[in-house]
Amino acid sequence: MIAPSILNINNLNLKDDIATAAENGITRFHIDIMDGHFVPNLSFGPQLVSDFKAEFPDLEAEVHLMSNNPDVLVPEFAKTKADLILLHYEAMTEDKLNHWIDFLHSNGIKAGIVLNPDTPVSILEKFQAKIDQVLMMTVYPGFGGQKFISGSCERIKEANELLAGRVPIEVDGGINDKTAQLAKEAGANIFVAGSYLFCQKSIQVQIEKLEKAVEE
């Protein structure tokens, strides 16, 4: 599955570019939420997610929450009708992480864990029974357009072996037709791409190239 990141879309073209991607078979979109504190950048707020779901009710919205202020932001994003919210392991204590995973599930929202490139993959063993997805960062979070970090495939393979197919593995960062194929071979099955899809001449052509790279 391809889950385009809307971070690299020109804000004035958001609706049109999302619609174009959806017309070409995309059913899920990745929405990066950056608070300027956990990562040195700012992006969208809860209203954008609510607007997305109101305008495109048949599309899935997965929220990648890059914030170490979950007490404020998780409840706010839970109100947006997001389908899945991904929480960074590095942003809170394990007790807090367990609490917010349970909170999301109690509100009918899927919950996932995000691991930064330096975080041991082995921590997934503690959470695998209660999460709906894992997001493996293949760049350091905060900015789009970065290069895929060498060594990421070994981490994806480790996660795939640990999870044994029980939890989907998503990859985010530097994803293009070449790196997506490498990540797929390592065990990933959901691919986040932003600049590769939305900063080229044709969204349709880029989606087709990426789909071809990750097709079974």
Protein backbone atom coordinates (compact mmCIF):
# COMPACT_ATOMS: atom_id res chain seq x y z
CA MET A 1 0.00 0.00 0.00
CA ILE A 2 1.14 3.53 -0.79
CA ALA A 3 0.23 6.20 1.78
CA PRO A 4 1.21 9.58 0.30
CA SER A 5 2.43 12.23 2.71
CA ILE A 6 0.71 15.54 2.12
CA LEU A 7 3.57 17.45 3.77
CA ASN A 8 5.21 18.21 0.43
CA ILE A 9 2.05 19.38 -1.34
CA ASN A 10 1.79 23.10 -1.99
CA ASN A 11 -0.75 24.13 0.66
CA LEU A 12 -2.77 26.02 -1.94
CA ASN A 13 -3.11 22.81 -3.98
CA LEU A 14 -3.91 20.39 -1.15
CA LYS A 15 -7.47 19.50 -2.13
CA ASP A 16 -6.72 19.14 -5.84
CA ASP A 17 -3.59 17.02 -5.38
CA ILE A 18 -5.27 14.74 -2.83
CA ALA A 19 -8.17 14.29 -5.24
CA THR A 20 -5.80 13.49 -8.10
CA ALA A 21 -3.99 10.85 -6.02
CA ALA A 22 -7.33 9.35 -4.97
CA GLU A 23 -8.47 9.20 -8.60
CA ASN A 24 -5.36 7.13 -9.27
CA GLY A 25 -6.12 4.51 -6.67
CA ILE A 26 -4.77 5.94 -3.41
CA THR A 27 -7.02 5.13 -0.45
CA ARG A 28 -4.89 6.28 2.50
CA PHE A 29 -3.01 9.50 3.18
CA HIS A 30 -0.25 10.19 5.71
CA ILE A 31 -0.61 13.47 7.64
CA ASP A 32 2.54 14.66 9.40
CA ILE A 33 1.90 16.66 12.58
CA MET A 34 4.98 18.52 13.83
CA ASP A 35 4.91 20.69 16.93
CA GLY A 36 8.15 22.67 16.60
CA HIS A 37 9.43 21.10 19.83
CA PHE A 38 9.82 17.34 19.45
CA VAL A 39 11.01 18.10 15.91
CA PRO A 40 12.27 21.50 14.70
CA ASN A 41 9.44 22.16 12.29
CA LEU A 42 5.76 23.05 12.27
CA SER A 43 3.05 21.61 10.06
CA PHE A 44 -0.68 20.98 10.42
CA GLY A 45 -3.18 20.97 13.26
CA PRO A 46 -6.34 19.04 14.13
CA GLN A 47 -8.52 21.20 11.90
CA LEU A 48 -6.68 20.01 8.78
CA VAL A 49 -7.41 16.38 9.67
CA SER A 50 -11.07 17.16 10.38
CA ASP A 51 -11.33 19.00 7.06
CA PHE A 52 -9.69 16.09 5.24
CA LYS A 53 -12.20 13.60 6.65
CA ALA A 54 -15.13 15.91 5.91
CA GLU A 55 -14.03 16.44 2.31
CA PHE A 56 -12.85 12.87 1.67
CA PRO A 57 -14.90 10.61 4.00
CA ASP A 58 -14.06 7.46 2.04
CA LEU A 59 -10.29 7.95 2.35
CA GLU A 60 -8.21 6.86 5.34
CA ALA A 61 -6.29 9.47 7.31
CA GLU A 62 -3.30 8.28 9.28
CA VAL A 63 -1.84 10.90 11.60
CA HIS A 64 1.90 10.78 12.32
CA LEU A 65 2.10 12.69 15.59
CA MET A 66 5.56 14.14 16.09
CA SER A 67 5.04 15.68 19.51
CA ASN A 68 6.13 15.09 23.09
CA ASN A 69 2.97 16.75 24.37
CA PRO A 70 0.55 13.83 24.02
CA ASP A 71 -1.61 14.87 26.97
CA VAL A 72 -2.84 17.84 24.95
CA LEU A 73 -2.59 16.67 21.37
CA VAL A 74 -3.76 13.04 21.41
CA PRO A 75 -7.25 13.92 22.71
CA GLU A 76 -7.51 16.75 20.17
CA PHE A 77 -6.60 14.55 17.23
CA ALA A 78 -8.88 11.81 18.52
CA LYS A 79 -11.77 14.21 17.82
CA THR A 80 -10.86 14.57 14.15
CA LYS A 81 -12.17 11.17 12.96
CA ALA A 82 -8.63 10.11 12.03
CA ASP A 83 -8.50 6.39 11.23
CA LEU A 84 -5.04 5.73 12.71
CA ILE A 85 -2.76 7.75 14.97
CA LEU A 86 0.94 6.92 15.12
CA LEU A 87 2.83 7.83 18.31
CA HIS A 88 6.59 8.16 18.70
CA TYR A 89 8.17 5.79 21.21
CA GLU A 90 10.79 8.48 21.89
CA ALA A 91 8.21 11.16 22.78
CA MET A 92 6.92 9.75 26.06
CA THR A 93 7.40 7.11 28.74
CA GLU A 94 6.33 3.55 28.06
CA ASP A 95 3.52 3.91 30.61
CA LYS A 96 2.24 6.99 28.77
CA LEU A 97 2.51 5.20 25.45
CA ASN A 98 0.46 2.29 26.74
CA HIS A 99 -2.10 4.72 28.16
CA TRP A 100 -2.57 6.57 24.88
CA ILE A 101 -2.73 3.38 22.81
CA ASP A 102 -5.54 2.21 25.08
CA PHE A 103 -7.20 5.64 24.87
CA LEU A 104 -7.19 5.58 21.07
CA HIS A 105 -8.59 2.08 20.93
CA SER A 106 -11.34 3.02 23.39
CA ASN A 107 -12.28 5.83 21.00
CA GLY A 108 -12.43 3.53 17.98
CA ILE A 109 -9.12 4.71 16.49
CA LYS A 110 -6.29 2.44 15.44
CA ALA A 111 -2.95 3.04 17.17
CA GLY A 112 0.61 2.55 16.03
CA ILE A 113 4.17 3.12 17.23
CA VAL A 114 6.85 5.08 15.40
CA LEU A 115 10.54 4.26 15.81
CA ASN A 116 13.28 6.74 14.97
CA PRO A 117 16.38 5.43 13.16
CA ASP A 118 18.39 5.09 16.40
CA THR A 119 15.71 3.42 18.53
CA PRO A 120 16.23 -0.32 19.14
CA VAL A 121 13.78 -2.41 17.15
CA SER A 122 13.58 -4.84 20.05
CA ILE A 123 11.24 -2.52 21.99
CA LEU A 124 8.44 -3.60 19.65
CA GLU A 125 8.26 -6.88 21.54
CA LYS A 126 6.64 -5.05 24.46
CA PHE A 127 3.87 -3.55 22.34
CA GLN A 128 3.26 -5.95 19.47
CA ALA A 129 0.15 -7.48 21.02
CA LYS A 130 -1.72 -4.17 21.22
CA ILE A 131 -0.65 -2.06 18.24
CA ASP A 132 -2.21 -1.95 14.79
CA GLN A 133 0.85 -0.76 12.86
CA VAL A 134 4.55 0.05 13.14
CA LEU A 135 6.13 3.02 11.38
CA MET A 136 9.86 2.65 10.82
CA MET A 137 11.50 6.01 10.14
CA THR A 138 14.09 5.75 7.39
CA VAL A 139 15.14 9.37 7.93
CA TYR A 140 15.27 11.52 11.05
CA PRO A 141 11.82 13.08 11.42
CA GLY A 142 11.09 16.75 10.93
CA PHE A 143 11.52 17.56 7.26
CA GLY A 144 10.46 16.11 3.92
CA GLY A 145 12.78 15.44 1.00
CA GLN A 146 15.55 13.67 2.97
CA LYS A 147 17.59 10.71 1.73
CA PHE A 148 16.85 7.14 2.79
CA ILE A 149 19.28 6.21 5.59
CA SER A 150 21.70 3.42 4.77
CA GLY A 151 21.11 0.50 7.10
CA SER A 152 17.34 1.00 7.30
CA CYS A 153 16.66 -2.29 5.52
CA GLU A 154 18.41 -4.26 8.24
CA ARG A 155 16.13 -2.63 10.82
CA ILE A 156 13.06 -3.41 8.72
CA LYS A 157 14.15 -7.06 8.45
CA GLU A 158 14.62 -7.21 12.23
CA ALA A 159 11.14 -5.77 12.80
CA ASN A 160 9.63 -8.17 10.27
CA GLU A 161 11.21 -11.16 11.98
CA LEU A 162 10.12 -9.99 15.43
CA LEU A 163 6.53 -9.26 14.39
CA ALA A 164 6.25 -12.34 12.12
CA GLY A 165 3.61 -10.72 9.94
CA ARG A 166 1.26 -9.97 12.83
CA VAL A 167 1.56 -6.17 12.50
CA PRO A 168 1.93 -4.18 9.25
CA ILE A 169 5.24 -2.36 8.81
CA GLU A 170 5.22 1.10 7.28
CA VAL A 171 8.32 3.00 6.13
CA ASP A 172 8.71 6.76 5.91
CA GLY A 173 11.60 8.84 4.63
CA GLY A 174 13.42 9.03 1.31
CA ILE A 175 10.98 6.65 -0.33
CA ASN A 176 11.12 6.41 -4.12
CA ASP A 177 10.74 3.54 -6.58
CA LYS A 178 14.21 2.18 -5.73
CA THR A 179 14.19 2.51 -1.94
CA ALA A 180 10.58 1.27 -1.75
CA GLN A 181 11.57 -1.92 -3.53
CA LEU A 182 14.45 -2.44 -1.08
CA ALA A 183 12.15 -1.81 1.87
CA LYS A 184 9.54 -4.21 0.47
CA GLU A 185 12.13 -6.95 0.09
CA ALA A 186 13.10 -6.36 3.75
CA GLY A 187 9.50 -6.82 4.90
CA ALA A 188 7.72 -3.46 4.66
CA ASN A 189 4.21 -3.36 3.24
CA ILE A 190 3.12 0.29 3.56
CA PHE A 191 5.12 3.05 1.91
CA VAL A 192 4.98 6.77 2.71
CA ALA A 193 6.15 9.05 -0.08
CA GLY A 194 5.84 12.81 -0.34
CA SER A 195 8.21 14.75 -2.55
CA TYR A 196 8.59 11.75 -4.88
CA LEU A 197 4.87 11.90 -5.66
CA PHE A 198 3.98 15.58 -5.39
CA CYS A 199 7.08 17.49 -6.48
CA GLN A 200 7.32 16.03 -9.99
CA LYS A 201 5.47 16.78 -13.21
CA SER A 202 2.74 14.14 -12.92
CA ILE A 203 1.26 12.67 -9.75
CA GLN A 204 -0.30 9.87 -11.82
CA VAL A 205 3.01 8.86 -13.39
CA GLN A 206 4.79 8.85 -10.02
CA ILE A 207 2.08 6.74 -8.39
CA GLU A 208 2.30 4.23 -11.23
CA LYS A 209 6.09 4.01 -10.88
CA LEU A 210 5.89 3.49 -7.13
CA GLU A 211 3.09 0.92 -7.42
CA LYS A 212 5.11 -1.03 -9.95
CA ALA A 213 8.10 -1.04 -7.56
CA VAL A 214 6.12 -2.48 -4.64
CA GLU A 215 3.62 -4.73 -6.40
CA GLU A 216 3.50 -8.34 -5.30
